[in-house]
């Protein structure tokens, strides 16, 4: 009898931390805004959702998908969403605008954005300078794809006003815009890029899916997708933020161990854009650019600041507290939980 009581007590003690954690979550119903959820850029978010990792952490999550990261950010600024799953550099830009945001878990070790030209409309392309006066498709104006294109253009001596940026989204609409010749170049992500490249409708100019090339382009580690939110949300809901981080880190680690077949079984059919083989190729190209553990490189904010400053003289001259745009505290705890 005494042994049974001891065993029951041990089980209750083991279960207690999970129960306490669930009770301690300040805001179990959270809305995340994302710009182009089908992209590999946001794959950890999809995996955490599809495999039930958010539910395991006691969260009732709603994910709202937008055409681009800038629109996802606008949703949080406007109060219709709590957290953005988007590009890290927005945290730097928002501090500059006096609306401090903090990134708390990383999805991408590099931006994974590719700038490519349309071989049909630019058959004689020789250098980025040839893009002057041309139409460049981005997921949405002001999004990370726009920022990356601006940076590459600046290195070639071009200003954002030297080209026309057109929002084409991150799915079939982007593919159609390129193939129909509506745009002369594109800054976008996989699986869109791999699909167009394989069909001969895109020639790559700059590729940040390769971490080493990304660091060469930006001059340092450039964090990609992450979860970020207004600083007051972090202050008021630390356990909620920890729960989201736990789910995302768990997804990051699952992806690093996964094979293409595992991914195909988990993601929605609509993500495949009608071609499983190309989706698999895109995953293999993106896998190494995804974060293995959700932590941010300490030099990442400086790189993002330089990239944004290259096309915004006022931002470049600003004195910002770059240490305040991210934290690794939550990711460290999550990595201790999910080894």
Protein backbone atom coordinates (compact mmCIF):
# COMPACT_ATOMS: atom_id res chain seq x y z
CA UNK A 1 0.00 0.00 0.00
CA UNK A 2 2.77 2.40 0.97
CA UNK A 3 4.59 1.61 -2.30
CA UNK A 4 1.46 2.46 -4.33
CA UNK A 5 1.16 5.80 -2.53
CA UNK A 6 4.80 6.57 -3.27
CA UNK A 7 4.36 5.76 -6.96
CA UNK A 8 1.19 7.87 -7.17
CA UNK A 9 2.96 10.73 -5.45
CA UNK A 10 5.88 10.51 -7.85
CA UNK A 11 3.55 10.60 -10.86
CA UNK A 12 1.72 13.62 -9.46
CA UNK A 13 4.99 15.40 -8.82
CA UNK A 14 6.13 14.69 -12.37
CA UNK A 15 2.89 16.02 -13.82
CA UNK A 16 2.85 19.13 -11.64
CA UNK A 17 5.33 21.28 -13.60
CA UNK A 18 3.31 20.86 -16.84
CA UNK A 19 0.11 21.72 -14.98
CA UNK A 20 1.64 24.77 -13.35
CA UNK A 21 3.09 25.92 -16.68
CA UNK A 22 -0.29 25.60 -18.38
CA UNK A 23 -1.94 27.66 -15.64
CA UNK A 24 0.81 30.28 -15.80
CA UNK A 25 0.31 31.12 -19.49
CA UNK A 26 -1.02 34.65 -19.42
CA UNK A 27 -2.58 34.66 -22.91
CA UNK A 28 -3.30 31.16 -24.24
CA UNK A 29 -5.19 32.54 -27.27
CA UNK A 30 -2.61 34.20 -29.49
CA UNK A 31 -2.81 35.44 -33.09
CA UNK A 32 0.30 35.29 -35.27
CA UNK A 33 0.44 37.29 -38.51
CA UNK A 34 2.63 35.88 -41.29
CA UNK A 35 3.36 37.01 -44.85
CA UNK A 36 3.44 33.99 -47.19
CA UNK A 37 3.04 31.01 -44.89
CA UNK A 38 3.65 28.47 -47.68
CA UNK A 39 7.29 29.58 -48.02
CA UNK A 40 10.16 27.56 -46.58
CA UNK A 41 11.11 30.81 -44.85
CA UNK A 42 8.23 30.08 -42.45
CA UNK A 43 8.48 26.28 -42.42
CA UNK A 44 9.15 26.04 -38.66
CA UNK A 45 5.87 27.86 -38.02
CA UNK A 46 3.95 25.42 -40.22
CA UNK A 47 5.64 22.38 -38.65
CA UNK A 48 4.89 23.61 -35.11
CA UNK A 49 1.27 24.15 -36.11
CA UNK A 50 0.74 20.93 -38.06
CA UNK A 51 2.43 18.66 -35.51
CA UNK A 52 0.52 20.19 -32.60
CA UNK A 53 3.52 21.67 -30.82
CA UNK A 54 1.70 24.90 -29.93
CA UNK A 55 -1.16 22.88 -28.42
CA UNK A 56 1.35 20.81 -26.45
CA UNK A 57 2.54 24.05 -24.85
CA UNK A 58 -0.99 25.04 -23.85
CA UNK A 59 -1.60 27.55 -26.66
CA UNK A 60 -4.72 28.06 -28.77
CA UNK A 61 -3.05 29.68 -31.75
CA UNK A 62 -4.57 31.45 -34.76
CA UNK A 63 -2.28 32.08 -37.75
CA UNK A 64 -3.38 34.73 -40.24
CA UNK A 65 -1.62 34.74 -43.61
CA UNK A 66 -0.92 37.93 -45.58
CA UNK A 67 0.65 38.62 -49.00
CA UNK A 68 3.92 39.87 -47.48
CA UNK A 69 5.79 40.57 -44.28
CA UNK A 70 5.04 44.30 -44.27
CA UNK A 71 1.32 43.56 -44.16
CA UNK A 72 1.79 41.06 -41.34
CA UNK A 73 3.65 43.73 -39.39
CA UNK A 74 0.84 46.21 -40.07
CA UNK A 75 -1.62 43.74 -38.51
CA UNK A 76 0.34 43.73 -35.24
CA UNK A 77 0.81 47.50 -35.26
CA UNK A 78 -2.93 47.87 -35.86
CA UNK A 79 -3.79 45.50 -33.02
CA UNK A 80 -5.44 42.69 -34.98
CA UNK A 81 -2.58 40.27 -34.25
CA UNK A 82 -0.21 39.75 -31.30
CA UNK A 83 2.96 38.42 -32.91
CA UNK A 84 4.63 38.62 -36.32
CA UNK A 85 6.30 35.68 -38.00
CA UNK A 86 8.48 37.73 -40.29
CA UNK A 87 11.84 39.22 -41.19
CA UNK A 88 14.24 40.09 -38.38
CA UNK A 89 15.26 43.46 -39.86
CA UNK A 90 11.78 44.84 -39.18
CA UNK A 91 12.70 44.95 -35.48
CA UNK A 92 15.53 47.37 -36.27
CA UNK A 93 13.32 49.51 -38.49
CA UNK A 94 10.54 49.63 -35.89
CA UNK A 95 12.92 50.79 -33.16
CA UNK A 96 14.00 53.58 -35.50
CA UNK A 97 10.31 54.51 -35.87
CA UNK A 98 9.83 54.60 -32.09
CA UNK A 99 7.76 51.41 -31.89
CA UNK A 100 10.11 48.92 -30.22
CA UNK A 101 9.71 45.27 -31.16
CA UNK A 102 11.67 42.32 -29.81
CA UNK A 103 12.47 39.11 -31.69
CA UNK A 104 12.44 36.07 -29.41
CA UNK A 105 12.98 32.95 -31.55
CA UNK A 106 14.73 32.54 -34.90
CA UNK A 107 13.44 30.52 -37.85
CA UNK A 108 16.05 31.28 -40.51
CA UNK A 109 19.84 31.47 -40.23
CA UNK A 110 19.79 33.54 -43.43
CA UNK A 111 17.07 35.43 -45.36
CA UNK A 112 16.70 32.64 -47.99
CA UNK A 113 15.68 35.34 -50.50
CA UNK A 114 16.77 35.06 -54.12
CA UNK A 115 17.03 37.91 -56.60
CA UNK A 116 16.68 36.69 -60.15
CA UNK A 117 16.00 38.18 -63.56
CA UNK A 118 13.50 37.20 -66.23
CA UNK A 119 15.44 35.69 -69.18
CA UNK A 120 12.55 36.51 -71.54
CA UNK A 121 12.44 40.26 -70.87
CA UNK A 122 16.15 40.64 -70.08
CA UNK A 123 17.96 38.29 -72.49
CA UNK A 124 21.06 40.51 -72.56
CA UNK A 125 21.40 40.93 -68.78
CA UNK A 126 25.01 41.39 -67.66
CA UNK A 127 24.93 43.03 -64.21
CA UNK A 128 22.58 44.36 -61.52
CA UNK A 129 23.04 47.85 -63.00
CA UNK A 130 20.97 46.65 -65.96
CA UNK A 131 17.90 46.63 -63.70
CA UNK A 132 17.64 50.42 -63.84
CA UNK A 133 14.18 51.35 -65.08
CA UNK A 134 12.91 47.78 -64.79
CA UNK A 135 9.99 46.20 -62.88
CA UNK A 136 10.96 44.03 -59.91
CA UNK A 137 8.43 41.73 -58.27
CA UNK A 138 8.51 41.44 -54.47
CA UNK A 139 6.14 39.63 -52.11
CA UNK A 140 4.84 43.02 -50.93
CA UNK A 141 6.28 46.53 -50.98
CA UNK A 142 8.30 47.14 -47.81
CA UNK A 143 8.70 43.43 -47.10
CA UNK A 144 12.01 41.62 -46.53
CA UNK A 145 12.14 40.72 -50.24
CA UNK A 146 11.97 44.46 -50.99
CA UNK A 147 14.71 45.20 -48.44
CA UNK A 148 17.01 42.56 -49.89
CA UNK A 149 16.47 43.86 -53.44
CA UNK A 150 17.18 47.42 -52.27
CA UNK A 151 20.44 46.29 -50.69
CA UNK A 152 21.67 44.47 -53.80
CA UNK A 153 20.67 47.45 -55.96
CA UNK A 154 22.54 49.85 -53.65
CA UNK A 155 25.74 47.83 -54.00
CA UNK A 156 25.40 48.33 -57.77
CA UNK A 157 24.90 52.08 -57.38
CA UNK A 158 21.13 52.08 -57.88
CA UNK A 159 18.49 53.73 -55.67
CA UNK A 160 15.06 52.18 -54.92
CA UNK A 161 13.55 54.93 -57.09
CA UNK A 162 15.58 53.70 -60.08
CA UNK A 163 13.26 50.68 -60.40
CA UNK A 164 9.55 49.92 -60.01
CA UNK A 165 8.62 47.49 -57.25
CA UNK A 166 5.45 45.45 -57.75
CA UNK A 167 3.82 43.24 -55.12
CA UNK A 168 3.24 39.75 -56.55
CA UNK A 169 2.82 37.66 -53.39
CA UNK A 170 4.63 34.43 -52.66
CA UNK A 171 2.70 31.75 -54.51
CA UNK A 172 1.11 31.06 -57.89
CA UNK A 173 0.56 34.77 -58.55
CA UNK A 174 4.30 35.40 -58.36
CA UNK A 175 4.96 32.53 -60.77
CA UNK A 176 2.36 33.86 -63.23
CA UNK A 177 3.75 37.41 -63.08
CA UNK A 178 7.21 36.18 -64.02
CA UNK A 179 6.12 33.81 -66.77
CA UNK A 180 3.80 36.35 -68.38
CA UNK A 181 6.54 39.00 -68.50
CA UNK A 182 4.74 41.43 -66.17
CA UNK A 183 8.01 41.80 -64.26
CA UNK A 184 11.65 41.86 -65.36
CA UNK A 185 13.11 40.51 -62.14
CA UNK A 186 11.98 39.01 -58.87
CA UNK A 187 13.01 38.97 -55.23
CA UNK A 188 11.25 35.97 -53.72
CA UNK A 189 11.69 32.67 -51.88
CA UNK A 190 11.24 28.93 -52.24
CA UNK A 191 9.33 27.07 -53.47
CA UNK A 192 8.59 29.87 -55.99
CA UNK A 193 12.26 30.33 -56.90
CA UNK A 194 13.03 26.65 -57.51
CA UNK A 195 9.86 26.26 -59.59
CA UNK A 196 10.77 29.19 -61.87
CA UNK A 197 14.43 28.25 -62.08
CA UNK A 198 13.68 24.68 -63.13
CA UNK A 199 11.29 25.83 -65.86
CA UNK A 200 13.87 28.29 -67.22
CA UNK A 201 11.84 31.35 -66.25
CA UNK A 202 14.37 32.79 -63.81
CA UNK A 203 18.13 33.35 -63.77
CA UNK A 204 19.61 33.76 -60.28
CA UNK A 205 21.63 36.90 -59.54
CA UNK A 206 21.95 36.80 -55.73
CA UNK A 207 21.12 33.81 -53.52
CA UNK A 208 20.85 34.09 -49.71
CA UNK A 209 19.61 30.51 -49.33
CA UNK A 210 23.31 29.70 -49.09
CA UNK A 211 24.41 30.95 -45.66
CA UNK A 212 27.99 31.67 -46.77
CA UNK A 213 26.78 33.68 -49.78
CA UNK A 214 24.30 35.55 -47.60
CA UNK A 215 27.10 36.59 -45.23
CA UNK A 216 29.19 37.67 -48.22
CA UNK A 217 26.33 39.77 -49.63
CA UNK A 218 25.45 41.43 -46.33
CA UNK A 219 28.93 41.49 -44.79
CA UNK A 220 27.96 39.41 -41.77
CA UNK A 221 25.32 37.05 -40.36
CA UNK A 222 21.88 38.23 -41.47
CA UNK A 223 19.03 36.58 -39.49
CA UNK A 224 16.00 35.61 -41.53
CA UNK A 225 12.50 34.77 -40.35
CA UNK A 226 11.69 34.96 -36.66
CA UNK A 227 8.87 35.58 -34.23
CA UNK A 228 8.78 39.14 -32.94
CA UNK A 229 6.29 41.23 -31.03
CA UNK A 230 5.94 44.65 -29.37
CA UNK A 231 8.09 44.89 -26.24
CA UNK A 232 5.04 45.42 -23.95
CA UNK A 233 3.65 42.03 -25.07
CA UNK A 234 6.87 40.34 -23.92
CA UNK A 235 6.80 42.21 -20.62
CA UNK A 236 3.16 41.29 -19.89
CA UNK A 237 3.22 37.71 -21.22
CA UNK A 238 6.64 36.11 -20.62
CA UNK A 239 5.21 32.60 -20.11
CA UNK A 240 3.17 32.90 -23.31
CA UNK A 241 6.29 33.96 -25.20
CA UNK A 242 8.19 31.04 -23.66
CA UNK A 243 5.49 28.60 -24.75
CA UNK A 244 5.66 29.88 -28.36
CA UNK A 245 9.44 29.66 -28.28
CA UNK A 246 9.32 26.09 -26.98
CA UNK A 247 7.09 25.04 -29.87
CA UNK A 248 9.25 26.78 -32.47
CA UNK A 249 12.55 25.40 -31.18
CA UNK A 250 11.03 21.92 -31.14
CA UNK A 251 9.99 22.46 -34.79
CA UNK A 252 13.46 23.76 -35.72
CA UNK A 253 15.04 20.61 -34.35
CA UNK A 254 12.48 18.35 -36.06
CA UNK A 255 13.24 19.96 -39.43
CA UNK A 256 16.98 19.40 -39.04
CA UNK A 257 16.35 15.67 -38.58
CA UNK A 258 13.62 15.40 -41.22
CA UNK A 259 13.90 14.07 -44.74
CA UNK A 260 11.96 15.39 -47.76
CA UNK A 261 9.39 12.61 -47.38
CA UNK A 262 8.70 13.67 -43.80
CA UNK A 263 8.08 17.27 -44.89
CA UNK A 264 5.73 16.26 -47.71
CA UNK A 265 3.57 14.31 -45.25
CA UNK A 266 3.19 17.27 -42.89
CA UNK A 267 2.73 20.41 -45.00
CA UNK A 268 -0.64 21.18 -46.67
CA UNK A 269 -1.03 19.99 -50.27
CA UNK A 270 -1.46 23.59 -51.46
CA UNK A 271 2.15 24.36 -50.47
CA UNK A 272 3.47 22.06 -53.19
CA UNK A 273 2.34 24.34 -56.06
CA UNK A 274 1.33 21.27 -58.01
CA UNK A 275 4.83 19.73 -58.16
CA UNK A 276 6.08 17.55 -55.31
CA UNK A 277 9.50 16.98 -56.88
CA UNK A 278 10.19 20.71 -57.08
CA UNK A 279 8.97 21.21 -53.51
CA UNK A 280 11.41 18.55 -52.36
CA UNK A 281 14.26 20.25 -54.26
CA UNK A 282 13.29 23.55 -52.65
CA UNK A 283 13.34 22.01 -49.19
CA UNK A 284 16.79 20.54 -49.73
CA UNK A 285 18.01 23.98 -50.86
CA UNK A 286 16.46 25.69 -47.83
CA UNK A 287 17.11 23.17 -45.05
CA UNK A 288 20.64 24.34 -44.20
CA UNK A 289 19.47 27.96 -44.11
CA UNK A 290 16.93 27.22 -41.37
CA UNK A 291 17.94 27.78 -37.76
CA UNK A 292 18.89 24.59 -35.89
CA UNK A 293 18.07 25.94 -32.43
CA UNK A 294 16.15 29.22 -32.60
CA UNK A 295 18.98 31.43 -31.28
CA UNK A 296 20.07 34.70 -32.90
CA UNK A 297 23.68 35.47 -33.90
CA UNK A 298 24.92 38.30 -31.70
CA UNK A 299 26.21 40.22 -34.74
CA UNK A 300 22.90 39.86 -36.56
CA UNK A 301 21.40 43.22 -35.49
CA UNK A 302 24.50 45.08 -36.69
CA UNK A 303 24.26 43.41 -40.10
CA UNK A 304 20.56 44.22 -40.39
CA UNK A 305 21.24 47.82 -39.35
CA UNK A 306 23.89 48.24 -42.07
CA UNK A 307 21.61 46.68 -44.70
CA UNK A 308 18.75 49.03 -43.86
CA UNK A 309 21.08 52.01 -43.55
CA UNK A 310 22.46 51.44 -47.04
CA UNK A 311 19.17 52.67 -48.50
CA UNK A 312 18.03 55.01 -45.70
CA UNK A 313 20.49 57.73 -44.71
CA UNK A 314 18.37 58.86 -41.76
CA UNK A 315 18.30 55.37 -40.28
CA UNK A 316 22.04 54.95 -40.91
CA UNK A 317 22.70 58.09 -38.84
CA UNK A 318 20.42 57.02 -35.98
CA UNK A 319 21.69 55.84 -32.59
CA UNK A 320 19.79 52.64 -31.87
CA UNK A 321 19.98 50.16 -29.01
CA UNK A 322 20.45 47.07 -31.17
CA UNK A 323 20.70 44.78 -28.15
CA UNK A 324 17.04 45.59 -27.46
CA UNK A 325 15.70 44.20 -30.75
CA UNK A 326 16.22 40.54 -29.82
CA UNK A 327 16.68 38.14 -26.95
CA UNK A 328 18.04 34.60 -26.73
CA UNK A 329 16.77 34.06 -23.18
CA UNK A 330 13.62 32.19 -24.23
CA UNK A 331 15.43 30.06 -26.82
CA UNK A 332 18.01 28.96 -24.24
CA UNK A 333 15.26 27.67 -21.96
CA UNK A 334 13.53 25.95 -24.90
CA UNK A 335 16.77 24.24 -25.93
CA UNK A 336 17.19 22.90 -22.40
CA UNK A 337 13.68 21.40 -22.67
CA UNK A 338 14.06 20.00 -26.20
CA UNK A 339 17.58 18.72 -26.71
